[in-house]
Protein backbone atom coordinates (compact mmCIF):
# COMPACT_ATOMS: atom_id res chain seq x y z
CA ASN A 1 -0.06 -0.23 0.39
CA PHE A 2 2.85 2.32 0.92
CA ARG A 3 4.27 1.87 -2.89
CA VAL A 4 0.78 2.17 -4.16
CA TRP A 5 -0.07 5.59 -2.34
CA THR A 6 3.18 7.37 -2.48
CA HIS A 7 3.45 6.27 -6.48
CA LEU A 8 0.01 7.90 -7.09
CA GLY A 9 1.03 11.38 -5.01
CA TRP A 10 3.76 11.61 -6.99
CA ARG A 11 1.57 11.02 -10.31
CA ASP A 12 -1.08 13.49 -8.75
CA LEU A 13 1.48 16.28 -9.44
CA ARG A 14 3.20 15.66 -12.72
CA ALA A 15 -0.55 16.00 -13.87
CA GLN A 16 -1.10 18.83 -12.03
CA TYR A 17 1.52 21.25 -13.32
CA ALA A 18 2.00 18.95 -16.66
CA ARG A 19 3.23 21.93 -19.07
CA THR A 20 4.59 24.44 -16.37
CA LYS A 21 7.94 25.44 -16.28
CA LEU A 22 8.25 25.88 -12.31
CA GLY A 23 5.53 22.47 -11.40
CA PRO A 24 5.04 22.88 -7.25
CA TRP A 25 7.26 25.53 -7.03
CA TRP A 26 4.06 27.99 -8.05
CA SER A 27 2.86 27.09 -4.70
CA ALA A 28 6.18 27.99 -2.83
CA ALA A 29 6.06 31.19 -5.56
CA SER A 30 2.04 31.95 -3.82
CA LEU A 31 3.26 31.63 -0.71
CA LEU A 32 5.99 33.82 -0.77
CA ALA A 33 3.62 36.52 -2.04
CA THR A 34 1.19 36.05 0.76
CA VAL A 35 4.09 36.22 3.34
CA LEU A 36 5.41 39.35 2.12
CA GLY A 37 2.44 41.06 1.04
CA SER A 38 1.17 40.43 4.49
CA SER A 39 3.67 41.24 6.29
CA ILE A 40 4.27 44.98 4.47
CA ALA A 41 0.74 45.51 4.68
CA ILE A 42 0.30 44.80 8.58
CA GLY A 43 3.73 46.45 9.22
CA LEU A 44 2.74 49.45 7.35
CA VAL A 45 -0.89 49.21 9.29
CA GLY A 46 1.06 49.11 12.67
CA ASN A 47 4.32 51.65 11.77
CA ASN A 48 6.69 48.62 12.38
CA LYS A 49 9.48 47.46 9.74
CA ALA A 50 7.39 46.48 6.94
CA LEU A 51 9.33 43.05 6.93
CA SER A 52 9.57 42.85 10.85
CA LEU A 53 6.45 40.04 10.58
CA THR A 54 8.50 37.69 8.23
CA PRO A 55 9.41 35.05 10.35
CA GLN A 56 6.21 34.70 11.81
CA LEU A 57 3.74 34.30 8.87
CA GLY A 58 5.97 32.22 6.77
CA ILE A 59 5.95 29.26 9.15
CA GLY A 60 2.66 29.72 10.17
CA LEU A 61 1.60 29.85 6.43
CA ALA A 62 3.49 26.80 5.98
CA ILE A 63 2.02 25.31 7.79
CA TRP A 64 -1.69 26.96 7.58
CA THR A 65 -1.34 25.68 3.91
CA LEU A 66 -0.36 22.35 4.19
CA VAL A 67 -3.24 21.89 6.57
CA SER A 68 -5.79 24.17 4.58
CA VAL A 69 -5.43 22.71 1.05
CA SER A 70 -5.35 19.15 2.53
CA LEU A 71 -9.08 19.67 4.12
CA ASN A 72 -10.07 21.31 0.72
CA ASP A 73 -8.75 18.26 -1.20
CA GLY A 74 -10.48 15.83 1.41
CA SER A 75 -14.20 17.40 0.68
CA ASP A 76 -14.25 16.61 -2.89
CA LEU A 77 -11.75 13.34 -2.58
CA PHE A 78 -14.40 10.24 -3.20
CA GLU A 79 -15.92 12.34 -5.17
CA SER A 80 -13.38 12.56 -7.76
CA GLU A 81 -11.86 9.30 -7.30
CA ARG A 82 -14.98 7.87 -8.42
CA GLY A 83 -13.45 5.63 -11.03
CA ILE A 84 -10.77 4.45 -8.85
CA LEU A 85 -13.61 2.95 -6.29
CA LEU A 86 -15.53 1.62 -8.67
CA ASN A 87 -12.95 0.11 -10.67
CA SER A 88 -10.00 -1.55 -8.97
CA THR A 89 -9.46 -2.93 -4.77
CA ILE A 90 -7.43 -0.01 -3.62
CA ASP A 91 -8.23 0.80 -0.30
CA GLU A 92 -10.05 4.09 0.72
CA LEU A 93 -7.14 5.09 3.41
CA SER A 94 -4.86 4.56 0.86
CA LEU A 95 -6.31 7.54 -1.55
CA VAL A 96 -6.28 9.92 2.16
CA PHE A 97 -2.56 8.90 2.02
CA ARG A 98 -1.99 9.39 -1.27
CA LEU A 99 -3.67 13.23 -0.68
CA ILE A 100 -1.76 14.05 2.50
CA TRP A 101 1.41 12.63 0.75
CA ARG A 102 1.21 15.26 -2.06
CA ASN A 103 0.58 18.22 -0.01
CA THR A 104 3.26 16.90 1.87
CA ILE A 105 5.86 17.26 -1.34
CA ILE A 106 4.56 20.61 -1.81
CA PHE A 107 4.92 21.74 1.42
CA PHE A 108 8.77 20.25 1.21
CA HIS A 109 8.86 22.77 -1.92
CA ASN A 110 7.85 25.91 0.10
CA LEU A 111 10.74 25.32 2.70
CA PRO A 112 13.01 27.72 0.68
CA VAL A 113 10.01 30.56 1.34
CA VAL A 114 10.18 29.87 4.74
CA ALA A 115 13.80 29.82 5.28
CA PHE A 116 13.74 33.17 2.83
CA ALA A 117 11.02 34.82 5.09
CA LEU A 118 13.55 34.25 8.17
CA LEU A 119 16.85 35.67 6.71
CA ILE A 120 14.85 39.19 5.31
CA GLY A 121 12.72 38.66 8.84
CA GLY A 122 16.62 39.57 10.84
CA TYR A 123 16.16 35.91 12.59
CA LYS A 124 19.24 35.11 14.64
CA LEU A 125 20.60 31.64 13.67
CA SER A 126 20.47 29.23 16.50
CA TRP A 127 19.86 25.64 16.73
CA HIS A 128 16.33 25.22 17.54
CA ILE A 129 15.76 26.55 13.72
CA VAL A 130 16.20 21.74 13.32
CA LEU A 131 13.02 21.46 15.45
CA PHE A 132 10.96 23.55 12.79
CA LEU A 133 10.77 20.02 10.07
CA PRO A 134 9.75 17.74 13.21
CA LEU A 135 7.01 20.29 14.98
CA ALA A 136 6.00 20.91 11.31
CA LEU A 137 5.43 17.76 10.31
CA LEU A 138 3.80 16.38 13.46
CA VAL A 139 0.43 17.68 11.87
CA LEU A 140 0.49 15.42 9.47
CA PRO A 141 -0.94 12.16 11.37
CA ALA A 142 -3.68 14.49 12.66
CA LEU A 143 -4.63 15.04 9.13
CA VAL A 144 -5.36 12.00 8.37
CA PHE A 145 -8.90 11.87 10.39
CA PRO A 146 -10.39 14.96 9.86
CA VAL A 147 -9.20 14.58 5.98
CA ALA A 148 -11.37 11.47 5.66
CA ALA A 149 -14.21 12.68 8.11
CA PHE A 150 -14.34 15.67 5.18
CA ALA A 151 -14.10 13.06 2.36
CA ARG A 152 -17.06 10.75 3.76
CA LEU A 153 -19.06 13.57 4.88
CA THR A 154 -19.50 14.91 2.02
CA LEU A 155 -19.93 12.01 0.07
CA TRP A 156 -23.14 11.61 2.50
CA ARG A 157 -24.19 14.95 2.32
CA ARG A 158 -23.17 16.77 -1.32
CA ASP A 159 -23.97 20.15 0.18
CA LEU A 160 -21.13 19.91 2.48
CA ARG A 161 -18.86 20.30 -0.26
CA SER A 162 -19.97 24.07 -0.67
CA LEU A 163 -19.79 24.65 3.02
CA LEU A 164 -16.38 23.37 4.19
CA PRO A 165 -13.99 25.11 2.36
CA SER A 166 -16.31 28.08 3.73
CA LEU A 167 -15.62 26.85 7.59
CA ILE A 168 -11.64 26.30 6.23
CA GLN A 169 -11.66 29.94 5.77
CA VAL A 170 -13.15 31.25 8.71
CA GLY A 171 -10.70 28.99 10.78
CA PHE A 172 -7.62 30.94 9.31
CA PHE A 173 -8.15 33.59 10.73
CA LEU A 174 -9.15 32.10 14.09
CA THR A 175 -5.74 30.53 13.86
CA PRO A 176 -2.83 32.32 15.51
CA ILE A 177 -1.08 33.41 12.34
CA PHE A 178 -1.40 36.83 12.10
CA TRP A 179 -1.80 37.27 15.93
CA SER A 180 -0.62 35.70 19.05
CA PRO A 181 -2.74 34.02 21.30
CA PRO A 182 -3.18 36.43 24.78
CA ALA A 183 -3.37 35.37 28.19
CA THR A 184 -6.77 35.82 29.31
CA GLY A 185 -9.94 36.85 27.13
CA PRO A 186 -12.29 35.70 24.29
CA MET A 187 -9.41 34.94 22.41
CA ASN A 188 -7.70 33.22 24.45
CA ILE A 189 -10.43 30.54 24.62
CA VAL A 190 -10.59 30.24 20.42
CA PHE A 191 -6.74 29.21 21.06
CA ASN A 192 -7.27 26.65 22.96
CA ILE A 193 -10.03 25.14 21.49
CA ASN A 194 -8.10 25.39 17.80
CA PRO A 195 -5.83 22.05 17.49
CA ILE A 196 -4.46 23.32 14.31
CA GLY A 197 -3.27 26.76 16.27
CA TRP A 198 -1.41 24.48 18.63
CA PHE A 199 0.66 23.30 16.25
CA VAL A 200 1.88 26.90 14.75
CA VAL A 201 2.46 28.57 18.28
CA LEU A 202 4.19 25.17 19.02
CA THR A 203 6.66 25.68 15.93
CA LYS A 204 6.66 29.22 16.09
CA GLU A 205 7.61 30.05 19.89
CA ALA A 206 10.18 26.85 19.32
CA VAL A 207 11.55 28.60 16.42
CA LEU A 208 11.66 31.71 16.93
CA GLU A 209 11.65 32.38 20.43
CA ASN A 210 13.48 29.37 21.22
CA HIS A 211 10.74 28.37 24.31
CA PHE A 212 9.47 24.77 23.85
CA ARG A 213 6.26 24.71 25.37
CA TRP A 214 5.65 21.24 26.70
CA ASP A 215 2.07 22.04 27.22
CA LEU A 216 1.19 22.86 23.70
CA PHE A 217 3.11 19.75 22.60
CA THR A 218 1.09 17.25 25.01
CA ARG A 219 -1.69 18.73 23.34
CA CYS A 220 -0.83 17.84 19.76
CA ILE A 221 0.24 14.69 20.78
CA ILE A 222 -2.95 13.75 22.16
CA THR A 223 -4.39 15.53 18.96
CA VAL A 224 -2.75 13.07 17.16
CA VAL A 225 -3.71 10.06 19.42
CA VAL A 226 -7.26 10.59 18.94
CA SER A 227 -6.59 11.17 15.29
CA VAL A 228 -5.42 7.84 14.95
CA LEU A 229 -8.04 6.23 17.25
CA LEU A 230 -11.07 7.98 15.34
CA LEU A 231 -9.71 6.78 12.54
CA GLU A 232 -9.78 3.21 13.55
CA ILE A 233 -13.65 3.92 14.32
CA LEU A 234 -13.81 5.64 10.88
CA GLN A 235 -13.05 3.02 8.83
CA SER A 236 -15.97 0.44 9.71
CA TYR A 237 -18.05 3.06 7.87
CA PHE A 238 -16.02 2.73 4.34
CA LYS A 239 -16.99 -0.04 3.68
CA GLN A 240 -20.32 2.16 2.46
CA ILE A 241 -18.24 4.49 0.60
CA ARG A 242 -18.69 2.09 -2.83
CA LYS A 243 -22.20 2.12 -2.83
CA LEU A 244 -22.68 5.88 -2.29
CA VAL A 245 -20.08 7.01 -5.35
């Protein structure tokens, strides 16, 4: 199965970026434009240095892009793969892994943008930079269940394919990418119930502030464990999928 979904993930990328010069680097170019544009805009509004926020935005947007694209793709996964589900014996979970693997490859193409954002933002290099990749990728096993659940739900209720992307967009503003979670108040409550925010803040503080939040790390590990357990429960419903497509 591993060889199947990794091969299919690479094939997806080749098909998606066929006849383009940059291929997956177009995603990196888009991320770079977003990081620079957002940093300049926020800096001008707040009378700060225009590029002072690029390190925070580079890390936060790289993780968010991986999460949001995976969830958005998941909302149409089983419908778009109708042919494979009906005409092959490949299991549904392999399709989920294939999707996440494909977006992980794109995430690796975005790493130079993160490095550039750190550089122009005046990041002082320390050994904590090595924590970025393992902490950022910690979100991957936590994504498997929500991606599978989105794919299953939208196959059951087609209207959800229009609703879920809007909910993901709302989640973007409720995730501490452009803001930092306060110690108290409503936004602190929002942060404490937003698992994606835990991964983002854990990574940003570990890399940029040399401060490893063990409480957030524990939350992230619990999220991963819960995601895996819920996936085991969800797999019993996968048997009904071929009846719905």
